[in-house]
Amino acid sequence: MSSNLTHRHLSFVGHGRYVVNCLQFDAERIITGSDDRCINIYDTQTGKLRSRLRGHEGGIWSLQYVGNTLVSGSIDCTVRVWDIEKGICTHIFSGHASSVRCLQIMQPVRTGMAPDGKPIMQPSNQLIVTGSRDASLRIWRLPDLVRDPEYLPYNCPNNDDCPFFLRALLGHTHTVRDISGHGDFLVSCSYDTFVRVWKISTGECLFRLAGHRAKVYSVVIDYTRSRCISGSMDHLVKVWSLESGSCLYTLEGHTNLVGLVDLSQTSLVSAAADSTLRVWDPETGQCVHKLEGHTAAITCFQHDDNKVVSGSDGALKLWNIKTGKFVKDLLSDLNRVWQVRFDDRRCVAAVQRGSENFIEVLNLDYDPATQPDTDGTSSHLDR
């Protein structure tokens, strides 16, 4: 490896002046959804626009793809399924009465062994789970683009006659802001201040987790430890037991809205409107590092067991998650950072520079064992 932090910067205009709300990518394509009602598909290597998916009548707020199947949720209250290669919409699902705020494609995973020695796979099929401003969640079977017929009902009737619809999950009384699922468990958080734990196969609400004093913005399931973690406008991060429904830890330290939480194998990270990120030990709830250096609310981040990449007004920053040290600015002189994602080789960010929005692709190869850290822009909390 010739260098442990390298850049090959590719930058191209994306969605003009409209906010980019969601982003996913792989080695071949970058897919973005925007307030301009369009989903753009770019070539990861060149930045060339491969196709533009049109059909939603409102901004795109959530999307995820698996293989050639893309699912999107919109302000227009509908969920659409797309064939990426053909560039066409194959299915339209209605039923929500307000914006589709979040969605997840759930893949069957092994959750145990049956008496006959066969693995227990849950859920039994690939599913789409959506959360909406109408306070409900809905579950559909993910269509097979080869075997299943198209479903494009005229005028998208608002009923449950869709053959792919399985069930609605009811109980929240305000916007469902975020969801996270694994196996037969789903957790959802809402502006009603509660986190709910659901059994996907039956739609049963197993627990209503009470303790936050304000809107809950983010939730992540920790299936390995049978826990979930939530971040709230009350400045708190809470760790809950999926077995008892009790609050195991309340993580204090942020001084403003905790809008984002996420989990890797070894680290829990929260990001807040107080311009900081915090790294926590997911076993004990102990704060390990406080990442300081941004000057405004954190709008997006991703992390793994080596690094954190975070975006805020002005900059996209790289941190060493093991030491809590700031490494460098990946991008600077920005007006906004809307979204960021990375994999083993690249970091892709949707940003605003001036009045235009751009997609930035950075080749990133970071080895924290050999990369020196920069002093003076982060602080390490005593253990």
Protein backbone atom coordinates (compact mmCIF):
# COMPACT_ATOMS: atom_id res chain seq x y z
CA MET A 1 0.00 0.00 0.00
CA SER A 2 1.74 3.11 -1.22
CA SER A 3 -0.23 5.52 0.89
CA ASN A 4 -2.57 5.09 3.82
CA LEU A 5 -4.74 8.10 2.95
CA THR A 6 -5.17 8.78 -0.75
CA HIS A 7 -7.55 10.89 -2.80
CA ARG A 8 -8.75 10.57 -6.36
CA HIS A 9 -11.43 13.22 -6.37
CA LEU A 10 -14.38 12.98 -8.73
CA SER A 11 -17.00 15.72 -8.52
CA PHE A 12 -20.14 16.22 -10.58
CA VAL A 13 -23.41 18.15 -10.34
CA GLY A 14 -26.30 16.22 -8.80
CA HIS A 15 -29.96 17.35 -8.65
CA GLY A 16 -29.15 21.02 -9.25
CA ARG A 17 -30.39 23.19 -6.38
CA TYR A 18 -32.51 20.45 -4.75
CA VAL A 19 -31.60 18.73 -1.48
CA VAL A 20 -30.28 15.17 -1.72
CA ASN A 21 -32.12 13.22 0.98
CA CYS A 22 -30.78 9.70 0.48
CA LEU A 23 -27.76 8.00 -1.07
CA GLN A 24 -26.48 4.48 -1.60
CA PHE A 25 -23.63 3.21 -3.76
CA ASP A 26 -21.49 0.29 -4.77
CA ALA A 27 -18.48 -0.18 -7.06
CA GLU A 28 -20.60 0.35 -10.18
CA ARG A 29 -23.35 2.82 -9.36
CA ILE A 30 -24.32 5.69 -7.10
CA ILE A 31 -28.04 6.16 -6.48
CA THR A 32 -29.47 9.36 -5.00
CA GLY A 33 -32.97 10.56 -4.15
CA SER A 34 -33.89 14.22 -3.97
CA ASP A 35 -36.55 16.83 -3.36
CA ASP A 36 -36.70 17.24 -7.15
CA ARG A 37 -38.89 14.06 -7.22
CA CYS A 38 -36.19 12.18 -9.13
CA ILE A 39 -33.85 9.28 -8.42
CA ASN A 40 -30.54 9.61 -10.22
CA ILE A 41 -28.26 6.68 -11.04
CA TYR A 42 -24.62 7.54 -11.76
CA ASP A 43 -21.61 5.52 -12.84
CA THR A 44 -19.30 5.29 -9.82
CA GLN A 45 -16.13 5.30 -11.94
CA THR A 46 -16.96 8.24 -14.20
CA GLY A 47 -19.81 10.15 -12.58
CA LYS A 48 -21.85 9.86 -15.78
CA LEU A 49 -25.61 9.94 -15.27
CA ARG A 50 -26.82 6.48 -16.32
CA SER A 51 -30.52 7.08 -15.84
CA ARG A 52 -33.09 9.21 -14.04
CA LEU A 53 -36.11 7.52 -12.49
CA ARG A 54 -39.25 9.63 -12.63
CA GLY A 55 -42.71 8.87 -11.32
CA HIS A 56 -42.96 10.04 -7.74
CA GLU A 57 -45.09 13.16 -7.33
CA GLY A 58 -43.18 14.43 -4.33
CA GLY A 59 -39.65 14.53 -2.98
CA ILE A 60 -37.79 11.27 -2.35
CA TRP A 61 -37.06 10.86 1.35
CA SER A 62 -35.85 7.26 1.56
CA LEU A 63 -34.43 4.59 -0.71
CA GLN A 64 -32.59 1.30 -0.58
CA TYR A 65 -31.60 -1.20 -3.23
CA VAL A 66 -30.63 -4.86 -3.21
CA GLY A 67 -29.19 -6.24 -6.43
CA ASN A 68 -31.26 -4.88 -9.30
CA THR A 69 -34.27 -3.98 -7.11
CA LEU A 70 -34.64 -0.44 -5.80
CA VAL A 71 -37.31 0.68 -3.32
CA SER A 72 -38.13 4.35 -2.71
CA GLY A 73 -40.43 6.26 -0.38
CA SER A 74 -41.78 9.73 -1.04
CA ILE A 75 -43.67 12.74 0.22
CA ASP A 76 -46.41 11.59 -2.18
CA CYS A 77 -47.27 8.84 0.37
CA THR A 78 -46.33 5.99 -1.98
CA VAL A 79 -43.64 3.34 -2.08
CA ARG A 80 -42.25 2.45 -5.50
CA VAL A 81 -40.24 -0.56 -6.63
CA TRP A 82 -37.91 -0.10 -9.59
CA ASP A 83 -35.95 -2.27 -11.98
CA ILE A 84 -32.60 -0.49 -11.93
CA GLU A 85 -31.19 -1.92 -15.16
CA LYS A 86 -34.35 -1.26 -17.17
CA GLY A 87 -34.92 2.09 -15.48
CA ILE A 88 -38.64 1.45 -14.95
CA CYS A 89 -41.09 1.41 -12.06
CA THR A 90 -42.58 -2.08 -11.66
CA HIS A 91 -44.71 -1.71 -8.51
CA ILE A 92 -46.49 1.10 -6.68
CA PHE A 93 -47.64 0.51 -3.09
CA SER A 94 -50.07 2.89 -1.42
CA GLY A 95 -51.68 2.89 1.98
CA HIS A 96 -49.76 5.49 3.94
CA ALA A 97 -51.70 8.70 4.52
CA SER A 98 -48.62 10.94 4.70
CA SER A 99 -44.95 11.10 3.70
CA VAL A 100 -42.92 7.89 3.77
CA ARG A 101 -40.12 9.00 6.05
CA CYS A 102 -37.99 5.85 6.30
CA LEU A 103 -37.77 2.35 4.86
CA GLN A 104 -35.70 -0.81 5.11
CA ILE A 105 -35.39 -3.88 2.92
CA MET A 106 -35.16 -6.81 5.32
CA GLN A 107 -33.29 -9.91 4.23
CA PRO A 108 -33.83 -13.36 5.77
CA VAL A 109 -31.08 -14.20 8.25
CA ARG A 110 -30.46 -17.31 10.33
CA THR A 111 -31.82 -16.78 13.83
CA GLY A 112 -31.63 -20.33 15.17
CA MET A 113 -31.83 -24.05 14.42
CA ALA A 114 -34.99 -26.16 14.13
CA PRO A 115 -35.22 -29.57 15.88
CA ASP A 116 -34.55 -31.28 12.54
CA GLY A 117 -31.26 -29.40 12.22
CA LYS A 118 -32.42 -27.00 9.55
CA PRO A 119 -31.67 -23.30 10.02
CA ILE A 120 -34.49 -21.00 11.07
CA MET A 121 -34.56 -18.05 8.67
CA GLN A 122 -36.36 -14.83 9.60
CA PRO A 123 -38.12 -13.10 8.05
CA SER A 124 -39.24 -15.94 5.79
CA ASN A 125 -39.21 -13.66 2.71
CA GLN A 126 -37.51 -10.46 1.68
CA LEU A 127 -39.63 -7.63 3.07
CA ILE A 128 -40.06 -3.90 2.74
CA VAL A 129 -40.79 -2.05 5.99
CA THR A 130 -41.80 1.60 5.85
CA GLY A 131 -42.40 4.29 8.44
CA SER A 132 -44.50 7.39 7.80
CA ARG A 133 -45.54 10.75 9.07
CA ASP A 134 -49.00 9.19 9.46
CA ALA A 135 -47.63 7.44 12.61
CA SER A 136 -47.86 3.95 11.11
CA LEU A 137 -45.50 1.34 9.75
CA ARG A 138 -46.39 -0.96 6.88
CA ILE A 139 -44.87 -4.23 5.72
CA TRP A 140 -44.84 -5.55 2.15
CA ARG A 141 -43.26 -8.57 0.54
CA LEU A 142 -40.44 -7.44 -1.72
CA PRO A 143 -41.43 -8.30 -5.31
CA ASP A 144 -39.27 -10.63 -7.37
CA LEU A 145 -38.71 -8.67 -10.57
CA VAL A 146 -38.39 -11.88 -12.61
CA ARG A 147 -41.25 -14.00 -11.27
CA ASP A 148 -43.80 -11.49 -9.91
CA PRO A 149 -46.14 -9.50 -12.17
CA GLU A 150 -46.01 -5.75 -12.21
CA TYR A 151 -48.39 -3.92 -9.87
CA LEU A 152 -49.20 -0.42 -11.08
CA PRO A 153 -52.75 0.32 -9.89
CA TYR A 154 -54.52 3.16 -11.68
CA ASN A 155 -54.43 6.31 -9.55
CA CYS A 156 -52.80 4.30 -6.71
CA PRO A 157 -55.98 3.47 -4.74
CA ASN A 158 -55.50 3.85 -1.01
CA ASN A 159 -56.49 0.36 0.12
CA ASP A 160 -55.00 -2.86 1.42
CA ASP A 161 -55.92 -4.99 -1.60
CA CYS A 162 -52.34 -5.04 -2.86
CA PRO A 163 -51.19 -8.69 -3.07
CA PHE A 164 -47.78 -7.71 -1.69
CA PHE A 165 -49.15 -5.98 1.42
CA LEU A 166 -48.79 -8.01 4.62
CA ARG A 167 -49.74 -5.85 7.59
CA ALA A 168 -49.75 -2.42 9.22
CA LEU A 169 -48.08 -1.79 12.56
CA LEU A 170 -50.16 0.65 14.58
CA GLY A 171 -49.50 2.26 17.94
CA HIS A 172 -47.33 5.33 17.45
CA THR A 173 -49.24 8.61 17.68
CA HIS A 174 -46.84 10.86 15.77
CA THR A 175 -44.34 10.68 12.88
CA VAL A 176 -42.29 7.49 12.64
CA ARG A 177 -38.82 8.97 12.24
CA ASP A 178 -36.54 5.91 11.96
CA ILE A 179 -36.63 2.11 11.89
CA SER A 180 -34.12 -0.70 12.31
CA GLY A 181 -34.75 -4.42 11.95
CA HIS A 182 -33.04 -7.81 12.08
CA GLY A 183 -34.55 -11.27 11.92
CA ASP A 184 -38.04 -11.18 13.42
CA PHE A 185 -37.41 -7.98 15.39
CA LEU A 186 -38.13 -4.43 14.29
CA VAL A 187 -37.64 -1.27 16.34
CA SER A 188 -39.17 2.08 15.47
CA CYS A 189 -38.89 5.53 16.99
CA SER A 190 -41.29 8.41 16.81
CA TYR A 191 -41.89 12.04 17.57
CA ASP A 192 -44.36 10.73 20.17
CA THR A 193 -41.25 10.20 22.42
CA PHE A 194 -41.52 6.40 22.36
CA VAL A 195 -39.54 3.55 20.88
CA ARG A 196 -41.52 0.44 19.97
CA VAL A 197 -40.31 -3.13 19.54
CA TRP A 198 -42.29 -5.26 17.07
CA LYS A 199 -42.48 -8.94 16.14
CA ILE A 200 -42.45 -8.78 12.35
CA SER A 201 -44.08 -12.17 11.68
CA THR A 202 -47.22 -11.29 13.65
CA GLY A 203 -47.21 -7.50 13.83
CA GLU A 204 -47.36 -7.67 17.64
CA CYS A 205 -45.89 -4.76 19.59
CA LEU A 206 -43.70 -6.45 22.18
CA PHE A 207 -42.69 -3.32 24.09
CA ARG A 208 -43.35 0.39 24.17
CA LEU A 209 -40.10 1.85 25.48
CA ALA A 210 -40.80 4.95 27.57
CA GLY A 211 -38.19 7.27 29.01
CA HIS A 212 -37.30 9.93 26.47
CA ARG A 213 -38.77 13.34 27.23
CA ALA A 214 -38.88 14.65 23.67
CA LYS A 215 -39.04 13.50 20.04
CA VAL A 216 -36.94 10.43 19.19
CA TYR A 217 -35.02 10.88 15.96
CA SER A 218 -32.87 7.80 15.49
CA VAL A 219 -32.80 4.16 16.47
CA VAL A 220 -30.55 1.19 15.76
CA ILE A 221 -30.97 -2.45 16.70
CA ASP A 222 -28.13 -4.30 18.43
CA TYR A 223 -29.24 -7.83 17.67
CA THR A 224 -26.06 -9.48 18.98
CA ARG A 225 -26.62 -8.05 22.47
CA SER A 226 -30.43 -8.17 22.22
CA ARG A 227 -30.62 -4.40 22.61
CA CYS A 228 -31.56 -1.27 20.74
CA ILE A 229 -30.26 2.29 21.02
CA SER A 230 -32.15 5.56 20.52
CA GLY A 231 -31.23 9.24 20.18
CA SER A 232 -33.60 12.04 21.08
CA MET A 233 -34.28 15.76 21.12
CA ASP A 234 -33.91 15.52 24.91
CA HIS A 235 -30.10 15.35 24.31
CA LEU A 236 -29.96 11.73 25.52
CA VAL A 237 -28.95 8.39 24.07
CA LYS A 238 -30.68 5.39 25.64
CA VAL A 239 -29.80 1.71 25.48
CA TRP A 240 -32.76 -0.65 25.88
CA SER A 241 -33.15 -4.39 26.43
CA LEU A 242 -35.13 -6.21 23.74
CA GLU A 243 -35.75 -9.02 26.23
CA SER A 244 -37.32 -7.03 29.08
CA GLY A 245 -38.08 -3.63 27.55
CA SER A 246 -36.11 -1.92 30.31
CA CYS A 247 -33.68 0.95 29.89
CA LEU A 248 -30.20 -0.40 30.59
CA TYR A 249 -28.20 2.83 30.22
CA THR A 250 -28.87 6.51 29.70
CA LEU A 251 -25.89 8.07 27.93
CA GLU A 252 -25.44 11.71 28.84
CA GLY A 253 -23.09 14.35 27.50
CA HIS A 254 -24.64 15.84 24.38
CA THR A 255 -26.11 19.31 24.88
CA ASN A 256 -28.55 19.38 21.97
CA LEU A 257 -30.70 17.15 19.76
CA VAL A 258 -29.16 13.72 19.13
CA GLY A 259 -30.29 13.18 15.57
CA LEU A 260 -28.20 10.17 14.57
CA VAL A 261 -27.02 6.96 16.21
CA ASP A 262 -25.32 3.98 14.60
CA LEU A 263 -23.49 0.84 15.62
CA SER A 264 -20.53 -1.23 14.42
CA GLN A 265 -19.13 -4.40 15.96
CA THR A 266 -17.08 -2.53 18.53
CA SER A 267 -18.44 1.02 18.72
CA LEU A 268 -21.65 2.96 19.19
CA VAL A 269 -21.53 6.47 17.73
CA SER A 270 -23.99 9.32 18.26
CA ALA A 271 -24.10 12.66 16.44
CA ALA A 272 -25.87 15.77 17.65
CA ALA A 273 -26.88 19.32 16.87
CA ASP A 274 -24.26 20.43 19.42
CA SER A 275 -21.69 19.94 16.59
CA THR A 276 -20.05 16.91 18.25
CA LEU A 277 -20.01 13.17 17.87
CA ARG A 278 -19.47 10.78 20.74
CA VAL A 279 -18.07 7.27 20.66
CA TRP A 280 -19.45 4.89 23.29
CA ASP A 281 -18.62 1.38 24.43
CA PRO A 282 -21.73 -0.57 23.38
CA GLU A 283 -21.21 -3.12 26.17
CA THR A 284 -21.05 -0.68 29.09
CA GLY A 285 -22.43 2.59 27.75
CA GLN A 286 -19.20 4.35 28.75
CA CYS A 287 -18.19 7.39 26.68
CA VAL A 288 -14.83 6.69 25.09
CA HIS A 289 -14.26 9.74 22.86
CA LYS A 290 -15.80 13.10 22.10
CA LEU A 291 -15.13 14.23 18.52
CA GLU A 292 -14.93 18.02 18.38
CA GLY A 293 -14.11 20.17 15.38
CA HIS A 294 -17.32 20.76 13.47
CA THR A 295 -18.95 24.16 13.91
CA ALA A 296 -22.62 23.26 13.37
CA ALA A 297 -25.07 20.39 13.74
CA ILE A 298 -23.89 17.04 12.40
CA THR A 299 -26.04 16.24 9.36
CA CYS A 300 -24.66 12.81 8.46
CA PHE A 301 -21.99 10.30 9.40
CA GLN A 302 -20.86 6.72 8.96
CA HIS A 303 -18.34 4.68 10.92
CA ASP A 304 -16.66 1.30 11.09
CA ASP A 305 -14.16 -0.21 13.51
CA ASN A 306 -11.35 2.10 12.32
CA LYS A 307 -12.82 5.44 11.34
CA VAL A 308 -15.68 7.92 11.45
CA VAL A 309 -16.58 10.15 8.50
CA SER A 310 -18.90 13.01 9.46
CA GLY A 311 -20.51 15.90 7.67
CA SER A 312 -21.65 19.30 8.87
CA ASP A 313 -21.92 22.81 7.47
CA GLY A 314 -18.59 23.54 5.83
CA ALA A 315 -16.69 20.27 5.95
CA LEU A 316 -16.54 16.51 5.69
CA LYS A 317 -14.15 15.20 8.36
CA LEU A 318 -12.28 11.95 8.97
CA TRP A 319 -11.58 10.71 12.51
CA ASN A 320 -9.68 7.81 14.02
CA ILE A 321 -12.35 5.99 16.02
CA LYS A 322 -9.82 4.10 18.15
CA THR A 323 -8.07 7.22 19.47
CA GLY A 324 -10.78 9.84 18.96
CA LYS A 325 -8.28 11.96 17.03
CA PHE A 326 -9.11 14.14 14.06
CA VAL A 327 -7.28 12.94 10.94
CA LYS A 328 -8.12 15.51 8.25
CA ASP A 329 -10.80 17.30 6.27
CA LEU A 330 -11.84 15.20 3.31
CA LEU A 331 -13.79 18.16 1.90
CA SER A 332 -13.96 21.78 2.99
CA ASP A 333 -15.41 25.12 1.90
CA LEU A 334 -18.87 23.61 1.58
CA ASN A 335 -22.26 25.16 2.28
CA ARG A 336 -23.94 21.89 3.28
CA VAL A 337 -23.20 18.20 3.57
CA TRP A 338 -26.42 16.30 2.91
CA GLN A 339 -25.34 12.65 2.90
CA VAL A 340 -22.20 10.54 3.21
CA ARG A 341 -21.48 6.85 2.74
CA PHE A 342 -18.23 4.89 2.43
CA ASP A 343 -17.03 1.36 1.75
CA ASP A 344 -13.59 -0.25 1.82
CA ARG A 345 -12.33 1.90 -1.05
CA ARG A 346 -14.44 5.00 -1.53
CA CYS A 347 -16.28 7.75 0.25
CA VAL A 348 -19.28 9.28 -1.55
CA ALA A 349 -20.88 12.49 -0.31
CA ALA A 350 -23.77 14.66 -1.49
CA VAL A 351 -22.87 18.29 -0.76
CA GLN A 352 -23.85 21.84 -1.58
CA ARG A 353 -21.19 24.19 -2.88
CA GLY A 354 -22.50 27.65 -3.62
CA SER A 355 -26.06 27.25 -4.87
CA GLU A 356 -25.46 23.90 -6.62
CA ASN A 357 -25.45 20.38 -5.25
CA PHE A 358 -22.63 18.00 -6.12
CA ILE A 359 -21.81 14.33 -5.71
CA GLU A 360 -18.23 13.92 -4.52
CA VAL A 361 -16.38 10.61 -4.88
CA LEU A 362 -13.14 10.17 -2.96
CA ASN A 363 -10.90 7.13 -3.16
CA LEU A 364 -10.14 6.55 0.49
CA ASP A 365 -7.62 4.09 1.87
CA TYR A 366 -7.05 4.67 5.56
CA ASP A 367 -4.91 2.54 7.88
CA PRO A 368 -5.08 3.93 11.43
CA ALA A 369 -2.07 1.84 12.48
CA THR A 370 0.28 3.89 10.30
CA GLN A 371 -1.55 7.17 9.74
CA PRO A 372 -0.48 9.92 12.17
CA ASP A 373 -3.27 11.85 13.85
CA THR A 374 -3.65 15.60 13.97
CA ASP A 375 -3.56 17.18 17.41
CA GLY A 376 -5.70 19.98 18.74
CA THR A 377 -9.05 19.37 17.12
CA SER A 378 -10.47 16.58 19.23
CA SER A 379 -10.52 15.66 22.86
CA HIS A 380 -10.22 12.27 24.49
CA LEU A 381 -12.45 11.55 27.44
CA ASP A 382 -10.98 9.80 30.45
CA ARG A 383 -12.12 6.22 30.69
